[in-house]
Protein backbone atom coordinates (compact mmCIF):
# COMPACT_ATOMS: atom_id res chain seq x y z
CA MET A 1 8.99 -13.06 29.28
CA SER A 2 5.07 -14.73 29.53
CA HIS A 3 3.29 -16.39 27.23
CA HIS A 4 -0.34 -15.44 27.59
CA THR A 5 -2.41 -17.05 25.40
CA ASN A 6 -5.64 -14.45 26.10
CA PRO A 7 -5.72 -10.83 24.74
CA MET A 8 -4.69 -7.83 27.29
CA PRO A 9 -7.84 -7.76 29.64
CA PRO A 10 -10.62 -5.00 28.70
CA GLY A 11 -9.24 -1.28 30.09
CA ASP A 12 -9.45 2.13 28.69
CA CYS A 13 -7.36 3.52 25.71
CA LEU A 14 -6.89 6.68 23.89
CA LEU A 15 -6.74 6.71 20.49
CA PHE A 16 -5.22 9.19 17.83
CA ALA A 17 -6.72 9.10 14.67
CA THR A 18 -6.04 10.42 11.13
CA ALA A 19 -9.64 10.53 10.20
CA ASP A 20 -12.92 11.82 11.53
CA TRP A 21 -14.97 9.41 13.47
CA ASP A 22 -18.10 10.07 10.45
CA THR A 23 -16.06 10.35 7.35
CA PRO A 24 -18.01 8.10 4.40
CA TYR A 25 -14.98 5.69 4.26
CA TRP A 26 -14.51 3.94 7.76
CA THR A 27 -10.60 3.03 7.66
CA ASN A 28 -8.60 1.01 10.58
CA LYS A 29 -8.89 3.79 12.83
CA GLN A 30 -12.67 3.28 13.16
CA HIS A 31 -12.99 -0.31 12.84
CA THR A 32 -10.04 -0.56 15.86
CA ALA A 33 -11.88 1.98 18.37
CA HIS A 34 -15.02 -0.22 17.54
CA HIS A 35 -13.62 -3.67 18.06
CA LEU A 36 -11.78 -2.17 20.89
CA ALA A 37 -15.39 -1.49 22.58
CA LEU A 38 -16.87 -4.60 21.76
CA ALA A 39 -14.14 -6.24 23.68
CA GLY A 40 -15.25 -4.13 26.69
CA TRP A 41 -12.63 -1.35 26.34
CA ARG A 42 -13.77 2.20 26.68
CA VAL A 43 -12.34 4.21 24.03
CA LEU A 44 -11.91 8.17 23.29
CA TYR A 45 -11.36 8.36 19.72
CA VAL A 46 -9.52 11.82 19.32
CA GLU A 47 -10.21 13.10 15.24
CA SER A 48 -7.30 13.96 13.59
CA VAL A 49 -5.99 16.93 14.65
CA GLY A 50 -5.37 18.35 10.56
CA LEU A 51 -1.90 17.04 8.75
CA ARG A 52 -2.24 19.54 6.15
CA GLN A 53 -2.81 23.23 5.88
CA PRO A 54 -6.28 24.21 4.83
CA ARG A 55 -6.21 25.38 1.49
CA MET A 56 -7.39 29.24 1.31
CA GLY A 57 -9.83 28.87 -1.71
CA SER A 58 -10.99 25.70 -0.64
CA GLY A 59 -14.57 26.19 0.63
CA THR A 60 -14.42 22.49 1.93
CA ASP A 61 -11.31 22.96 4.02
CA TRP A 62 -12.79 25.90 5.20
CA GLY A 63 -16.18 23.98 6.17
CA ARG A 64 -14.54 21.18 7.48
CA LEU A 65 -12.86 23.64 10.11
CA LEU A 66 -16.04 25.05 10.97
CA LYS A 67 -17.80 22.12 11.96
CA ARG A 68 -14.97 20.66 13.88
CA LEU A 69 -14.97 24.20 15.60
CA TRP A 70 -18.51 23.86 16.54
CA ARG A 71 -17.89 19.64 17.59
CA GLY A 72 -14.81 21.24 19.39
CA LEU A 73 -16.58 23.49 21.60
CA ARG A 74 -19.43 21.21 22.27
CA GLY A 75 -16.53 18.57 23.76
CA PRO A 76 -16.32 14.70 23.86
CA ARG A 77 -19.44 13.05 22.68
CA GLN A 78 -20.60 9.42 22.87
CA VAL A 79 -21.16 8.07 19.87
CA GLN A 80 -21.86 4.05 20.59
CA GLU A 81 -21.54 2.11 23.98
CA ARG A 82 -17.91 2.79 25.36
CA VAL A 83 -16.85 4.95 22.55
CA TRP A 84 -16.67 8.82 22.69
CA VAL A 85 -15.35 11.00 20.28
CA LEU A 86 -13.43 14.32 20.71
CA SER A 87 -12.85 17.28 17.86
CA PRO A 88 -9.61 18.62 19.34
CA LEU A 89 -9.78 22.27 18.92
CA VAL A 90 -6.70 23.52 17.46
CA LEU A 91 -4.83 26.48 15.66
CA PRO A 92 -5.27 24.79 11.81
CA PHE A 93 -2.17 26.77 10.59
CA LYS A 94 1.81 26.64 11.24
CA HIS A 95 1.22 23.51 13.02
CA HIS A 96 5.35 23.06 13.43
CA HIS A 97 5.83 26.49 14.50
CA PRO A 98 6.90 26.12 18.30
CA TRP A 99 4.07 28.59 20.04
CA VAL A 100 1.18 27.13 17.87
CA ARG A 101 2.62 23.48 18.75
CA ALA A 102 2.75 24.75 22.36
CA PHE A 103 -0.52 26.25 22.18
CA ASN A 104 -2.67 23.10 20.52
CA GLN A 105 -0.65 20.46 22.57
CA GLY A 106 -1.51 22.20 26.12
CA LEU A 107 -4.90 22.56 25.00
CA LEU A 108 -5.41 19.19 23.80
CA SER A 109 -3.69 17.55 26.94
CA TRP A 110 -5.56 19.82 29.40
CA THR A 111 -8.80 18.53 27.66
CA LEU A 112 -7.55 15.09 27.45
CA ALA A 113 -6.91 14.84 31.16
CA ARG A 114 -10.36 16.75 32.00
CA PHE A 115 -11.85 13.81 30.01
CA CYS A 116 -10.11 11.11 32.12
CA LYS A 117 -10.94 12.31 35.31
CA GLN A 118 -15.17 12.91 34.67
CA HIS A 119 -14.74 9.21 33.20
CA GLY A 120 -12.41 7.28 35.32
CA PHE A 121 -10.08 6.86 32.80
CA THR A 122 -7.42 4.98 34.83
CA THR A 123 -3.89 4.31 33.34
CA PRO A 124 -5.06 4.60 29.13
CA MET A 125 -3.27 2.80 26.82
CA VAL A 126 -2.43 4.66 24.05
CA TRP A 127 -3.22 3.74 20.46
CA THR A 128 -2.29 6.71 17.85
CA TYR A 129 -2.04 6.69 13.72
CA HIS A 130 0.17 9.70 13.69
CA PRO A 131 3.19 10.83 15.41
CA PHE A 132 2.19 14.33 16.64
CA VAL A 133 1.30 13.38 20.00
CA LEU A 134 4.14 13.49 22.16
CA GLU A 135 4.02 16.57 23.99
CA SER A 136 0.54 15.82 24.85
CA LEU A 137 1.44 12.87 26.05
CA GLN A 138 4.33 14.26 28.17
CA ARG A 139 2.31 16.92 29.69
CA LEU A 140 -0.57 14.52 30.33
CA ARG A 141 1.97 12.60 32.68
CA GLN A 142 4.17 15.81 33.92
CA ARG A 143 1.61 18.38 34.61
CA HIS A 144 -1.65 16.70 34.92
CA SER A 145 -0.18 13.54 36.97
CA LEU A 146 -2.02 11.15 34.50
CA LEU A 147 -0.25 7.43 34.53
CA LEU A 148 -0.38 6.11 31.12
CA GLY A 149 -0.32 2.62 29.84
CA PRO A 150 1.77 1.05 27.08
CA THR A 151 2.23 3.59 23.85
CA VAL A 152 1.37 1.52 20.41
CA TYR A 153 1.97 3.46 17.18
CA HIS A 154 0.13 1.71 14.26
CA CYS A 155 1.12 2.45 11.09
CA VAL A 156 -1.44 1.85 8.69
CA ASP A 157 -0.42 4.46 5.28
CA ASP A 158 2.75 6.09 4.15
CA LEU A 159 1.26 9.64 5.47
CA ALA A 160 4.34 11.65 4.55
CA SER A 161 3.31 10.56 0.94
CA ILE A 162 0.49 12.62 0.72
CA PRO A 163 -0.12 15.50 -1.22
CA GLY A 164 -0.05 18.52 1.04
CA ILE A 165 1.55 17.30 3.97
CA ASP A 166 4.91 18.61 5.04
CA ALA A 167 6.91 15.10 4.59
CA ALA A 168 9.92 16.49 6.66
CA ALA A 169 8.24 17.36 9.50
CA PHE A 170 6.19 14.64 9.57
CA ASN A 171 9.29 12.55 9.28
CA THR A 172 10.81 13.91 12.01
CA GLU A 173 7.98 13.74 14.19
CA GLU A 174 7.74 9.83 13.49
CA GLN A 175 11.32 9.47 14.19
CA ARG A 176 10.96 11.38 17.88
CA LEU A 177 8.12 9.18 18.66
CA LEU A 178 9.13 5.99 18.03
CA PRO A 179 11.79 5.26 20.43
CA HIS A 180 9.10 6.42 23.01
CA CYS A 181 6.15 3.73 21.99
CA GLN A 182 6.33 0.12 23.56
CA LEU A 183 5.20 -1.75 20.06
CA VAL A 184 4.85 -0.86 16.67
CA PHE A 185 2.19 -2.45 14.28
CA THR A 186 2.25 -1.36 10.68
CA SER A 187 -0.01 -3.00 7.63
CA SER A 188 2.35 -3.41 5.06
CA ILE A 189 6.25 -4.45 4.47
CA SER A 190 7.58 -1.45 3.51
CA LEU A 191 6.06 0.42 6.69
CA ALA A 192 7.77 -2.62 8.36
CA GLU A 193 11.03 -1.70 6.89
CA LYS A 194 10.78 2.15 7.36
CA CYS A 195 9.91 2.09 11.15
CA SER A 196 12.59 -1.17 11.93
CA ALA A 197 14.79 1.40 11.55
CA HIS A 198 13.90 2.95 14.49
CA HIS A 199 12.13 0.24 16.52
CA SER A 200 13.00 -3.72 17.73
CA HIS A 201 9.48 -4.16 18.48
CA VAL A 202 7.60 -4.01 14.96
CA HIS A 203 4.64 -6.38 13.77
CA ASN A 204 3.35 -6.12 10.66
CA PHE A 205 -0.18 -6.83 10.17
CA PRO A 206 -1.86 -6.65 6.83
CA ASN A 207 -5.21 -5.04 6.63
CA VAL A 208 -8.27 -7.24 7.28
CA VAL A 209 -12.05 -7.45 6.66
CA ASP A 210 -15.24 -7.85 8.47
CA VAL A 211 -16.13 -11.01 6.90
CA GLU A 212 -19.89 -11.42 8.46
CA HIS A 213 -20.98 -7.88 6.92
CA PHE A 214 -19.30 -9.01 3.35
CA SER A 215 -20.35 -12.23 3.10
CA LYS A 216 -23.50 -11.32 2.90
CA ALA A 217 -23.34 -10.49 -0.58
CA TRP A 218 -23.47 -14.45 -1.23
CA ARG A 219 -24.65 -15.73 1.74
CA THR A 220 -28.04 -13.82 1.58
CA ASP A 221 -30.64 -12.81 -1.37
CA GLY A 222 -32.32 -10.02 -2.08
CA PRO A 223 -33.14 -7.30 -4.74
CA LEU A 224 -29.96 -5.39 -6.25
CA PRO A 225 -30.35 -1.75 -5.29
CA THR A 226 -32.45 0.20 -7.93
CA ASP A 227 -29.94 2.38 -9.76
CA LEU A 228 -27.50 -0.46 -9.88
CA ALA A 229 -30.28 -2.96 -11.11
CA ALA A 230 -30.64 -0.52 -13.77
CA ILE A 231 -27.10 -0.81 -15.06
CA PRO A 232 -26.36 -3.99 -17.63
CA GLU A 233 -23.95 -7.12 -16.89
CA PRO A 234 -21.25 -7.54 -16.55
CA ARG A 235 -20.39 -4.92 -13.72
CA LEU A 236 -17.06 -4.24 -12.77
CA ALA A 237 -16.74 -2.40 -9.82
CA TYR A 238 -14.13 -0.07 -8.07
CA VAL A 239 -15.23 0.72 -4.53
CA GLY A 240 -13.69 3.82 -2.69
CA ALA A 241 -12.19 7.36 -2.24
CA LEU A 242 -11.19 8.67 -5.94
CA SER A 243 -8.16 9.98 -4.72
CA ASP A 244 -6.22 11.11 -7.64
CA PHE A 245 -3.00 9.83 -6.18
CA LYS A 246 -4.04 6.53 -5.53
CA VAL A 247 -6.32 5.74 -8.46
CA ASP A 248 -4.90 5.13 -11.88
CA PHE A 249 -7.56 7.28 -13.69
CA GLU A 250 -5.79 6.92 -17.39
CA LEU A 251 -6.34 3.11 -17.39
CA LEU A 252 -9.41 3.02 -15.90
CA ASP A 253 -10.79 5.38 -18.95
CA ALA A 254 -8.17 3.55 -21.71
CA LEU A 255 -10.49 0.20 -20.54
CA ALA A 256 -14.10 1.99 -20.62
CA ALA A 257 -12.87 3.52 -24.24
CA ALA A 258 -12.00 0.35 -25.78
CA ASN A 259 -14.64 -2.03 -23.99
CA SER A 260 -18.10 -0.70 -24.29
CA GLN A 261 -19.19 -4.89 -23.57
CA TRP A 262 -18.00 -4.23 -20.02
CA ASN A 263 -19.61 -1.44 -17.42
CA LEU A 264 -17.62 0.16 -15.13
CA VAL A 265 -19.39 1.01 -11.65
CA LEU A 266 -17.40 3.46 -9.34
CA ILE A 267 -18.57 3.51 -5.82
CA GLY A 268 -16.98 6.30 -3.58
CA ASP A 269 -16.33 10.50 -4.17
CA GLU A 270 -13.56 12.78 -5.22
CA ARG A 271 -11.10 13.44 -2.63
CA GLU A 272 -11.84 16.83 -0.99
CA GLY A 273 -10.38 19.79 -2.91
CA GLN A 274 -9.77 17.36 -6.31
CA HIS A 275 -11.02 18.03 -9.87
CA ASN A 276 -9.47 15.11 -11.52
CA PRO A 277 -9.97 15.76 -15.81
CA ILE A 278 -9.32 12.34 -16.51
CA LEU A 279 -12.22 11.18 -13.96
CA HIS A 280 -14.32 13.93 -14.92
CA ARG A 281 -13.70 12.60 -18.93
CA MET A 282 -14.20 8.80 -18.10
CA ILE A 283 -17.83 9.47 -16.24
CA GLN A 284 -18.95 10.78 -19.24
CA ARG A 285 -18.20 7.56 -20.92
CA GLN A 286 -21.51 5.61 -21.55
CA ASN A 287 -20.44 2.45 -20.05
CA VAL A 288 -19.40 4.28 -16.65
CA TYR A 289 -21.71 4.77 -13.71
CA ALA A 290 -20.50 7.28 -11.02
CA LEU A 291 -22.85 6.17 -8.13
CA GLY A 292 -20.81 8.27 -5.24
CA HIS A 293 -20.73 7.34 -1.98
CA ARG A 294 -22.83 4.40 -0.19
CA PRO A 295 -23.11 3.83 3.04
CA TYR A 296 -20.85 1.19 4.73
CA THR A 297 -24.01 -0.53 5.65
CA LEU A 298 -24.89 -0.91 2.13
CA LEU A 299 -21.81 -2.26 0.41
CA PRO A 300 -22.95 -5.76 0.45
CA ASN A 301 -25.92 -5.31 -1.56
CA TYR A 302 -23.95 -3.44 -4.05
CA LEU A 303 -21.14 -5.81 -4.31
CA ARG A 304 -24.08 -8.46 -4.54
CA GLY A 305 -24.60 -7.02 -8.33
CA MET A 306 -20.64 -7.06 -9.10
CA HIS A 307 -18.49 -9.54 -11.56
CA VAL A 308 -14.88 -8.66 -10.48
CA GLY A 309 -13.56 -6.21 -8.06
CA LEU A 310 -10.95 -3.52 -9.25
CA LEU A 311 -8.02 -2.58 -7.24
CA PRO A 312 -6.85 -0.08 -10.16
CA SER A 313 -3.72 1.87 -8.34
CA LEU A 314 -1.42 3.69 -9.30
CA VAL A 315 2.04 2.66 -8.18
CA ASN A 316 4.35 5.41 -6.12
CA THR A 317 5.52 5.36 -2.80
CA TYR A 318 2.14 5.81 -1.11
CA THR A 319 0.52 2.75 -2.84
CA ASP A 320 3.45 1.10 -2.29
CA SER A 321 2.88 0.76 0.94
CA MET A 322 -0.79 -0.23 0.78
CA PHE A 323 -2.34 -3.45 1.64
CA PRO A 324 -5.78 -2.20 0.40
CA MET A 325 -8.61 -3.12 2.74
CA LYS A 326 -10.79 -3.66 -0.44
CA TYR A 327 -8.58 -6.65 -1.80
CA PHE A 328 -10.10 -8.99 1.29
CA GLU A 329 -13.82 -7.02 0.99
CA TYR A 330 -13.84 -8.10 -2.22
CA LEU A 331 -12.97 -11.49 -2.06
CA ALA A 332 -15.43 -11.78 1.12
CA ALA A 333 -18.11 -10.33 -1.02
CA GLY A 334 -17.30 -13.14 -3.37
CA LEU A 335 -15.63 -11.10 -5.99
CA PRO A 336 -12.16 -12.24 -8.15
CA VAL A 337 -9.61 -9.27 -7.69
CA ILE A 338 -7.64 -7.94 -10.42
CA SER A 339 -4.58 -5.26 -9.07
CA THR A 340 -2.12 -3.31 -10.48
CA ARG A 341 1.17 -4.44 -9.42
CA LEU A 342 1.83 -3.11 -5.69
CA LYS A 343 3.72 -4.53 -3.05
CA PHE A 344 1.15 -6.26 -1.29
CA THR A 345 0.70 -8.60 -4.40
CA GLU A 346 3.75 -10.34 -4.03
CA LEU A 347 2.41 -11.31 -0.80
CA GLU A 348 -0.53 -12.80 -2.29
CA SER A 349 0.93 -14.21 -5.61
CA HIS A 350 -0.48 -17.77 -4.47
CA ASN A 351 -4.18 -16.56 -4.46
CA GLU A 352 -5.74 -18.24 -7.79
CA PHE A 353 -8.55 -15.20 -7.18
CA LEU A 354 -6.12 -12.67 -7.58
CA LYS A 355 -4.65 -11.28 -10.96
CA VAL A 356 -2.16 -8.88 -11.38
CA VAL A 357 -1.82 -6.46 -14.06
CA ASP A 358 0.88 -3.74 -15.02
CA ASN A 359 -0.77 -2.41 -18.57
CA LEU A 360 -4.51 -2.41 -20.24
CA ASP A 361 -3.90 -5.45 -22.48
CA GLU A 362 -2.95 -7.81 -19.38
CA LEU A 363 -5.90 -5.89 -17.88
CA GLU A 364 -8.04 -6.57 -20.53
CA LYS A 365 -6.99 -10.51 -20.48
CA ALA A 366 -7.47 -10.68 -16.87
CA ILE A 367 -10.83 -9.08 -17.10
CA HIS A 368 -12.26 -11.95 -19.38
CA THR A 369 -10.58 -14.80 -17.29
CA GLN A 370 -12.21 -13.50 -13.89
CA LEU A 371 -15.24 -13.12 -15.43
CA ASN A 372 -14.72 -16.54 -16.57
CA THR A 373 -13.89 -18.02 -13.18
CA LYS A 374 -16.42 -19.95 -10.94
CA ASN A 375 -16.24 -18.32 -7.39
CA ASN A 376 -15.83 -20.85 -4.79
CA TYR A 377 -16.70 -18.96 -2.06
CA GLU A 378 -15.25 -21.76 0.88
CA ILE A 379 -11.94 -21.32 -0.95
CA MET A 380 -12.25 -17.72 -0.69
CA LEU A 381 -12.64 -17.48 2.62
CA ASN A 382 -9.81 -19.82 3.68
CA VAL A 383 -7.91 -17.61 1.34
CA ILE A 384 -8.72 -14.93 4.15
CA GLY A 385 -8.67 -17.05 6.61
CA SER A 386 -8.05 -15.03 10.26
CA ASN A 387 -7.48 -11.81 8.64
CA THR A 388 -10.49 -10.61 10.45
CA TRP A 389 -10.90 -7.91 12.57
CA ASP A 390 -11.58 -9.80 15.62
CA GLU A 391 -8.72 -12.07 15.24
CA ARG A 392 -6.18 -9.04 14.25
CA LEU A 393 -7.04 -7.08 17.33
CA LYS A 394 -6.79 -10.18 19.48
CA LYS A 395 -3.04 -10.94 18.12
CA MET A 396 -2.09 -7.46 19.14
CA LEU A 397 -3.91 -7.48 22.28
CA ILE A 398 -1.62 -10.69 23.04
CA ILE A 399 1.49 -9.02 22.03
CA VAL A 400 0.92 -5.66 23.97
CA ASN A 401 -0.04 -7.55 27.16
CA ASP A 402 3.12 -9.55 26.82
CA LEU A 403 5.32 -6.50 27.18
CA PRO A 404 7.79 -6.70 29.87
CA LEU A 405 7.41 -3.85 32.29
CA SER A 406 11.12 -2.94 30.88
CA ALA A 407 9.61 -2.03 27.70
CA VAL A 408 7.83 0.77 29.13
CA PRO A 409 10.05 3.50 28.27
CA ARG A 410 9.14 7.29 30.64
CA LEU A 411 8.24 10.29 28.28
């Protein structure tokens, strides 16, 4: 095998995401597309085909479907230099029914082939975050005579554990896709273990951070946003989607109820279709401030006014497979972190800025400790090390580039 020291030279990429491009919270998918483009790649970002069925009574779900239909009819749109976004037109029901699947995959492969022809995409690398792509890729090769580059499966969540997703169908599809991939990247040890049962080229890379962006919290001065400045100190931060299958609202509510001297600031919205009674009870408390979603660009300004970053995750199958992006984001912003005991905390046990807790008593003690911790920003940056978007993508592309031709199975 050759040993390249440089990443794969820029080319074209079809990136299959599980999130819409303009969702309020950027995740691995948007960041990977963005950083591929910065490295010179041309990327077609294919928005989620919808992994769960829409709920009949959910206005939000139907609103999203209508928006998707309108975008799908308009075709791919360019969102930044070298990045286009496609909202696939799909039937949103009975995804796994043979004729629905054939219709959806046929329409998607036709749209992809048309885009590749119009924009001169040649031998595009396939980078997918979900397994429902096999038929489309086979059709692109066989019916549309499109040569495809290597296929990369980037597994960053245990999607089968999300409420509303057909876990059996998802796992079956994942096991079908894995043998056809050249490489698998995962973001946690448990996901690596799961994929390794069906693939021999699995590489684990934990989630990463845009250090330059989040370190603005302490590198640059400036007034705090007015809504934050109005909240008394000390401020404990939780930033992210308020998902009831991920966040331990009971623990946070008990913390707020027992400690009126601390102010809990939540930045983020509830998950679509969710109305958690504990969360709604908690945000009535005088020392809990639910600010809602704030744009990514403004997060450093908010984190500048915080004192501790919280990762109050429930411990379940889904969260056990997480390496939360917030962990490095808090550190890059100069905040000591407190997390409930997830698998990722075992890997980070050496970090003096992370405290791991199992209950309310330990959480209160950890907050006391972290509030009195003198932050050393340089050491925090050392803890983050090379866990940045640029560095991780470089490492991944070097691995893709090092693939022997024999590692490219035919679909």
